[in-house]
Amino acid sequence: MIYDNVKKLADEKKIPITVLEERVGLARGTIGKWQNAWPRINNVVKVAKELDVSVEDLLLEKVQ
């Protein structure tokens, strides 16, 4: 779920995941690992700031 939210928001802003990882100081492939494991909260905060969204936007499943 968190990976899907990050991917969707990054795509909307036309930021490749690899570029996002580089901008926030994460190793390449780190965000991809979020498909199967929960990330460290400090990394979620960094990504949220870079995408200009709240941490909640990344963590919660959106009802459509």
PDB file of N, CA and C in Angstrom:
ATOM      1  N   MET A   1       0.806  -1.187   0.000  1.00  0.00           N
ATOM      2  CA  MET A   1       0.000   0.000   0.000  1.00  0.00           C
ATOM      3  C   MET A   1       0.864   1.272   0.000  1.00  0.00           C
ATOM      4  N   ILE A   2       1.840   1.367   0.882  1.00  0.00           N
ATOM      5  CA  ILE A   2       2.662   2.578   0.910  1.00  0.00           C
ATOM      6  C   ILE A   2       3.441   2.737  -0.389  1.00  0.00           C
ATOM      7  N   TYR A   3       3.965   1.636  -0.907  1.00  0.00           N
ATOM      8  CA  TYR A   3       4.688   1.719  -2.182  1.00  0.00           C
ATOM      9  C   TYR A   3       3.766   2.242  -3.274  1.00  0.00           C
ATOM     10  N   ASP A   4       2.557   1.711  -3.321  1.00  0.00           N
ATOM     11  CA  ASP A   4       1.600   2.132  -4.348  1.00  0.00           C
ATOM     12  C   ASP A   4       1.303   3.628  -4.245  1.00  0.00           C
ATOM     13  N   ASN A   5       1.153   4.127  -3.029  1.00  0.00           N
ATOM     14  CA  ASN A   5       0.885   5.551  -2.841  1.00  0.00           C
ATOM     15  C   ASN A   5       2.077   6.404  -3.275  1.00  0.00           C
ATOM     16  N   VAL A   6       3.272   5.979  -2.901  1.00  0.00           N
ATOM     17  CA  VAL A   6       4.478   6.716  -3.302  1.00  0.00           C
ATOM     18  C   VAL A   6       4.613   6.699  -4.818  1.00  0.00           C
ATOM     19  N   LYS A   7       4.431   5.547  -5.417  1.00  0.00           N
ATOM     20  CA  LYS A   7       4.564   5.400  -6.869  1.00  0.00           C
ATOM     21  C   LYS A   7       3.560   6.290  -7.594  1.00  0.00           C
ATOM     22  N   LYS A   8       2.323   6.275  -7.136  1.00  0.00           N
ATOM     23  CA  LYS A   8       1.274   7.084  -7.772  1.00  0.00           C
ATOM     24  C   LYS A   8       1.601   8.573  -7.672  1.00  0.00           C
ATOM     25  N   LEU A   9       1.976   9.030  -6.498  1.00  0.00           N
ATOM     26  CA  LEU A   9       2.294  10.446  -6.312  1.00  0.00           C
ATOM     27  C   LEU A   9       3.539  10.863  -7.087  1.00  0.00           C
ATOM     28  N   ALA A  10       4.545  10.001  -7.098  1.00  0.00           N
ATOM     29  CA  ALA A  10       5.767  10.298  -7.855  1.00  0.00           C
ATOM     30  C   ALA A  10       5.455  10.363  -9.350  1.00  0.00           C
ATOM     31  N   ASP A  11       4.631   9.431  -9.830  1.00  0.00           N
ATOM     32  CA  ASP A  11       4.242   9.451 -11.245  1.00  0.00           C
ATOM     33  C   ASP A  11       3.485  10.728 -11.593  1.00  0.00           C
ATOM     34  N   GLU A  12       2.583  11.140 -10.706  1.00  0.00           N
ATOM     35  CA  GLU A  12       1.822  12.373 -10.947  1.00  0.00           C
ATOM     36  C   GLU A  12       2.749  13.582 -11.050  1.00  0.00           C
ATOM     37  N   LYS A  13       3.837  13.566 -10.300  1.00  0.00           N
ATOM     38  CA  LYS A  13       4.799  14.675 -10.313  1.00  0.00           C
ATOM     39  C   LYS A  13       5.933  14.435 -11.314  1.00  0.00           C
ATOM     40  N   LYS A  14       5.807  13.328 -12.045  1.00  0.00           N
ATOM     41  CA  LYS A  14       6.801  12.970 -13.075  1.00  0.00           C
ATOM     42  C   LYS A  14       8.204  12.835 -12.498  1.00  0.00           C
ATOM     43  N   ILE A  15       8.277  12.198 -11.317  1.00  0.00           N
ATOM     44  CA  ILE A  15       9.564  11.952 -10.668  1.00  0.00           C
ATOM     45  C   ILE A  15       9.793  10.440 -10.646  1.00  0.00           C
ATOM     46  N   PRO A  16      10.781   9.954 -11.368  1.00  0.00           N
ATOM     47  CA  PRO A  16      11.078   8.521 -11.300  1.00  0.00           C
ATOM     48  C   PRO A  16      11.471   8.122  -9.876  1.00  0.00           C
ATOM     49  N   ILE A  17      11.122   6.907  -9.487  1.00  0.00           N
ATOM     50  CA  ILE A  17      11.423   6.419  -8.140  1.00  0.00           C
ATOM     51  C   ILE A  17      12.921   6.503  -7.860  1.00  0.00           C
ATOM     52  N   THR A  18      13.746   6.181  -8.826  1.00  0.00           N
ATOM     53  CA  THR A  18      15.196   6.234  -8.605  1.00  0.00           C
ATOM     54  C   THR A  18      15.659   7.658  -8.307  1.00  0.00           C
ATOM     55  N   VAL A  19      15.062   8.637  -8.961  1.00  0.00           N
ATOM     56  CA  VAL A  19      15.397  10.040  -8.713  1.00  0.00           C
ATOM     57  C   VAL A  19      14.905  10.455  -7.332  1.00  0.00           C
ATOM     58  N   LEU A  20      13.703  10.027  -6.971  1.00  0.00           N
ATOM     59  CA  LEU A  20      13.160  10.313  -5.646  1.00  0.00           C
ATOM     60  C   LEU A  20      14.076   9.755  -4.559  1.00  0.00           C
ATOM     61  N   GLU A  21      14.507   8.511  -4.736  1.00  0.00           N
ATOM     62  CA  GLU A  21      15.424   7.904  -3.764  1.00  0.00           C
ATOM     63  C   GLU A  21      16.706   8.713  -3.638  1.00  0.00           C
ATOM     64  N   GLU A  22      17.246   9.135  -4.762  1.00  0.00           N
ATOM     65  CA  GLU A  22      18.488   9.914  -4.747  1.00  0.00           C
ATOM     66  C   GLU A  22      18.282  11.250  -4.025  1.00  0.00           C
ATOM     67  N   ARG A  23      17.176  11.915  -4.311  1.00  0.00           N
ATOM     68  CA  ARG A  23      16.906  13.225  -3.706  1.00  0.00           C
ATOM     69  C   ARG A  23      16.795  13.165  -2.189  1.00  0.00           C
ATOM     70  N   VAL A  24      16.253  12.065  -1.670  1.00  0.00           N
ATOM     71  CA  VAL A  24      16.054  11.975  -0.209  1.00  0.00           C
ATOM     72  C   VAL A  24      17.154  11.175   0.482  1.00  0.00           C
ATOM     73  N   GLY A  25      18.141  10.712  -0.280  1.00  0.00           N
ATOM     74  CA  GLY A  25      19.281  10.035   0.318  1.00  0.00           C
ATOM     75  C   GLY A  25      19.063   8.567   0.625  1.00  0.00           C
ATOM     76  N   LEU A  26      18.185   7.915  -0.139  1.00  0.00           N
ATOM     77  CA  LEU A  26      17.965   6.472   0.043  1.00  0.00           C
ATOM     78  C   LEU A  26      18.745   5.694  -1.012  1.00  0.00           C
ATOM     79  N   ALA A  27      19.142   4.510  -0.646  1.00  0.00           N
ATOM     80  CA  ALA A  27      19.824   3.633  -1.602  1.00  0.00           C
ATOM     81  C   ALA A  27      18.857   3.227  -2.701  1.00  0.00           C
ATOM     82  N   ARG A  28      19.387   3.026  -3.891  1.00  0.00           N
ATOM     83  CA  ARG A  28      18.558   2.599  -5.013  1.00  0.00           C
ATOM     84  C   ARG A  28      17.863   1.281  -4.667  1.00  0.00           C
ATOM     85  N   GLY A  29      16.573   1.222  -4.923  1.00  0.00           N
ATOM     86  CA  GLY A  29      15.794   0.022  -4.663  1.00  0.00           C
ATOM     87  C   GLY A  29      15.095   0.012  -3.312  1.00  0.00           C
ATOM     88  N   THR A  30      15.402   1.000  -2.475  1.00  0.00           N
ATOM     89  CA  THR A  30      14.810   1.034  -1.136  1.00  0.00           C
ATOM     90  C   THR A  30      13.294   1.163  -1.199  1.00  0.00           C
ATOM     91  N   ILE A  31      12.798   2.094  -1.988  1.00  0.00           N
ATOM     92  CA  ILE A  31      11.352   2.305  -2.061  1.00  0.00           C
ATOM     93  C   ILE A  31      10.664   1.070  -2.643  1.00  0.00           C
ATOM     94  N   GLY A  32      11.291   0.418  -3.570  1.00  0.00           N
ATOM     95  CA  GLY A  32      10.729  -0.812  -4.135  1.00  0.00           C
ATOM     96  C   GLY A  32      10.525  -1.894  -3.090  1.00  0.00           C
ATOM     97  N   LYS A  33      11.388  -1.919  -2.098  1.00  0.00           N
ATOM     98  CA  LYS A  33      11.263  -2.908  -1.021  1.00  0.00           C
ATOM     99  C   LYS A  33      10.033  -2.654  -0.160  1.00  0.00           C
ATOM    100  N   TRP A  34       9.473  -1.465  -0.247  1.00  0.00           N
ATOM    101  CA  TRP A  34       8.298  -1.126   0.545  1.00  0.00           C
ATOM    102  C   TRP A  34       7.056  -1.863   0.062  1.00  0.00           C
ATOM    103  N   GLN A  35       7.166  -2.579  -1.032  1.00  0.00           N
ATOM    104  CA  GLN A  35       6.049  -3.403  -1.501  1.00  0.00           C
ATOM    105  C   GLN A  35       5.805  -4.567  -0.548  1.00  0.00           C
ATOM    106  N   ASN A  36       6.864  -5.018   0.129  1.00  0.00           N
ATOM    107  CA  ASN A  36       6.772  -6.211   0.974  1.00  0.00           C
ATOM    108  C   ASN A  36       7.119  -5.986   2.436  1.00  0.00           C
ATOM    109  N   ALA A  37       7.556  -4.792   2.778  1.00  0.00           N
ATOM    110  CA  ALA A  37       7.967  -4.520   4.156  1.00  0.00           C
ATOM    111  C   ALA A  37       7.697  -3.056   4.495  1.00  0.00           C
ATOM    112  N   TRP A  38       7.397  -2.807   5.759  1.00  0.00           N
ATOM    113  CA  TRP A  38       7.175  -1.426   6.197  1.00  0.00           C
ATOM    114  C   TRP A  38       8.506  -0.699   6.299  1.00  0.00           C
ATOM    115  N   PRO A  39       8.542   0.534   5.806  1.00  0.00           N
ATOM    116  CA  PRO A  39       9.770   1.330   5.870  1.00  0.00           C
ATOM    117  C   PRO A  39       9.958   1.966   7.239  1.00  0.00           C
ATOM    118  N   ARG A  40      11.136   2.488   7.439  1.00  0.00           N
ATOM    119  CA  ARG A  40      11.411   3.280   8.641  1.00  0.00           C
ATOM    120  C   ARG A  40      10.656   4.602   8.513  1.00  0.00           C
ATOM    121  N   ILE A  41      10.087   5.050   9.612  1.00  0.00           N
ATOM    122  CA  ILE A  41       9.265   6.259   9.574  1.00  0.00           C
ATOM    123  C   ILE A  41      10.069   7.481   9.139  1.00  0.00           C
ATOM    124  N   ASN A  42      11.339   7.556   9.501  1.00  0.00           N
ATOM    125  CA  ASN A  42      12.133   8.719   9.080  1.00  0.00           C
ATOM    126  C   ASN A  42      12.266   8.770   7.559  1.00  0.00           C
ATOM    127  N   ASN A  43      12.298   7.618   6.909  1.00  0.00           N
ATOM    128  CA  ASN A  43      12.357   7.598   5.444  1.00  0.00           C
ATOM    129  C   ASN A  43      11.022   8.007   4.838  1.00  0.00           C
ATOM    130  N   VAL A  44       9.932   7.616   5.480  1.00  0.00           N
ATOM    131  CA  VAL A  44       8.609   8.027   5.012  1.00  0.00           C
ATOM    132  C   VAL A  44       8.474   9.544   5.107  1.00  0.00           C
ATOM    133  N   VAL A  45       8.966  10.119   6.194  1.00  0.00           N
ATOM    134  CA  VAL A  45       8.909  11.573   6.377  1.00  0.00           C
ATOM    135  C   VAL A  45       9.699  12.280   5.270  1.00  0.00           C
ATOM    136  N   LYS A  46      10.877  11.787   4.953  1.00  0.00           N
ATOM    137  CA  LYS A  46      11.702  12.384   3.895  1.00  0.00           C
ATOM    138  C   LYS A  46      10.985  12.350   2.549  1.00  0.00           C
ATOM    139  N   VAL A  47      10.399  11.198   2.243  1.00  0.00           N
ATOM    140  CA  VAL A  47       9.706  11.044   0.960  1.00  0.00           C
ATOM    141  C   VAL A  47       8.472  11.949   0.918  1.00  0.00           C
ATOM    142  N   ALA A  48       7.724  12.010   2.010  1.00  0.00           N
ATOM    143  CA  ALA A  48       6.541  12.868   2.062  1.00  0.00           C
ATOM    144  C   ALA A  48       6.925  14.330   1.818  1.00  0.00           C
ATOM    145  N   LYS A  49       7.999  14.779   2.448  1.00  0.00           N
ATOM    146  CA  LYS A  49       8.454  16.161   2.261  1.00  0.00           C
ATOM    147  C   LYS A  49       8.842  16.405   0.805  1.00  0.00           C
ATOM    148  N   GLU A  50       9.557  15.473   0.225  1.00  0.00           N
ATOM    149  CA  GLU A  50       9.998  15.634  -1.167  1.00  0.00           C
ATOM    150  C   GLU A  50       8.808  15.668  -2.122  1.00  0.00           C
ATOM    151  N   LEU A  51       7.775  14.878  -1.839  1.00  0.00           N
ATOM    152  CA  LEU A  51       6.587  14.849  -2.696  1.00  0.00           C
ATOM    153  C   LEU A  51       5.572  15.932  -2.322  1.00  0.00           C
ATOM    154  N   ASP A  52       5.870  16.665  -1.256  1.00  0.00           N
ATOM    155  CA  ASP A  52       5.003  17.751  -0.780  1.00  0.00           C
ATOM    156  C   ASP A  52       3.603  17.238  -0.423  1.00  0.00           C
ATOM    157  N   VAL A  53       3.581  16.142   0.333  1.00  0.00           N
ATOM    158  CA  VAL A  53       2.339  15.559   0.836  1.00  0.00           C
ATOM    159  C   VAL A  53       2.530  15.229   2.313  1.00  0.00           C
ATOM    160  N   SER A  54       1.447  14.879   2.976  1.00  0.00           N
ATOM    161  CA  SER A  54       1.554  14.484   4.377  1.00  0.00           C
ATOM    162  C   SER A  54       1.985  13.022   4.479  1.00  0.00           C
ATOM    163  N   VAL A  55       2.527  12.678   5.622  1.00  0.00           N
ATOM    164  CA  VAL A  55       2.879  11.276   5.883  1.00  0.00           C
ATOM    165  C   VAL A  55       1.618  10.419   5.785  1.00  0.00           C
ATOM    166  N   GLU A  56       0.520  10.960   6.272  1.00  0.00           N
ATOM    167  CA  GLU A  56      -0.757  10.246   6.200  1.00  0.00           C
ATOM    168  C   GLU A  56      -1.118   9.895   4.756  1.00  0.00           C
ATOM    169  N   ASP A  57      -0.852  10.794   3.822  1.00  0.00           N
ATOM    170  CA  ASP A  57      -1.139  10.518   2.414  1.00  0.00           C
ATOM    171  C   ASP A  57      -0.384   9.297   1.906  1.00  0.00           C
ATOM    172  N   LEU A  58       0.782   9.061   2.451  1.00  0.00           N
ATOM    173  CA  LEU A  58       1.575   7.909   2.018  1.00  0.00           C
ATOM    174  C   LEU A  58       1.165   6.626   2.717  1.00  0.00           C
ATOM    175  N   LEU A  59       0.705   6.744   3.952  1.00  0.00           N
ATOM    176  CA  LEU A  59       0.429   5.553   4.757  1.00  0.00           C
ATOM    177  C   LEU A  59      -0.970   4.994   4.612  1.00  0.00           C
ATOM    178  N   LEU A  60      -1.926   5.844   4.307  1.00  0.00           N
ATOM    179  CA  LEU A  60      -3.320   5.392   4.317  1.00  0.00           C
ATOM    180  C   LEU A  60      -3.811   5.008   2.935  1.00  0.00           C
ATOM    181  N   GLU A  61      -4.603   3.966   2.909  1.00  0.00           N
ATOM    182  CA  GLU A  61      -5.251   3.539   1.680  1.00  0.00           C
ATOM    183  C   GLU A  61      -6.398   4.500   1.403  1.00  0.00           C
ATOM    184  N   LYS A  62      -6.454   4.974   0.190  1.00  0.00           N
ATOM    185  CA  LYS A  62      -7.498   5.914  -0.196  1.00  0.00           C
ATOM    186  C   LYS A  62      -8.753   5.158  -0.638  1.00  0.00           C
ATOM    187  N   VAL A  63      -9.884   5.581  -0.130  1.00  0.00           N
ATOM    188  CA  VAL A  63     -11.157   5.017  -0.557  1.00  0.00           C
ATOM    189  C   VAL A  63     -11.599   5.769  -1.793  1.00  0.00           C
ATOM    190  N   GLN A  64     -11.892   5.026  -2.848  1.00  0.00           N
ATOM    191  CA  GLN A  64     -12.249   5.691  -4.111  1.00  0.00           C
ATOM    192  C   GLN A  64     -13.681   5.468  -4.461  1.00  0.00           C
TER     193      GLN A  64
END
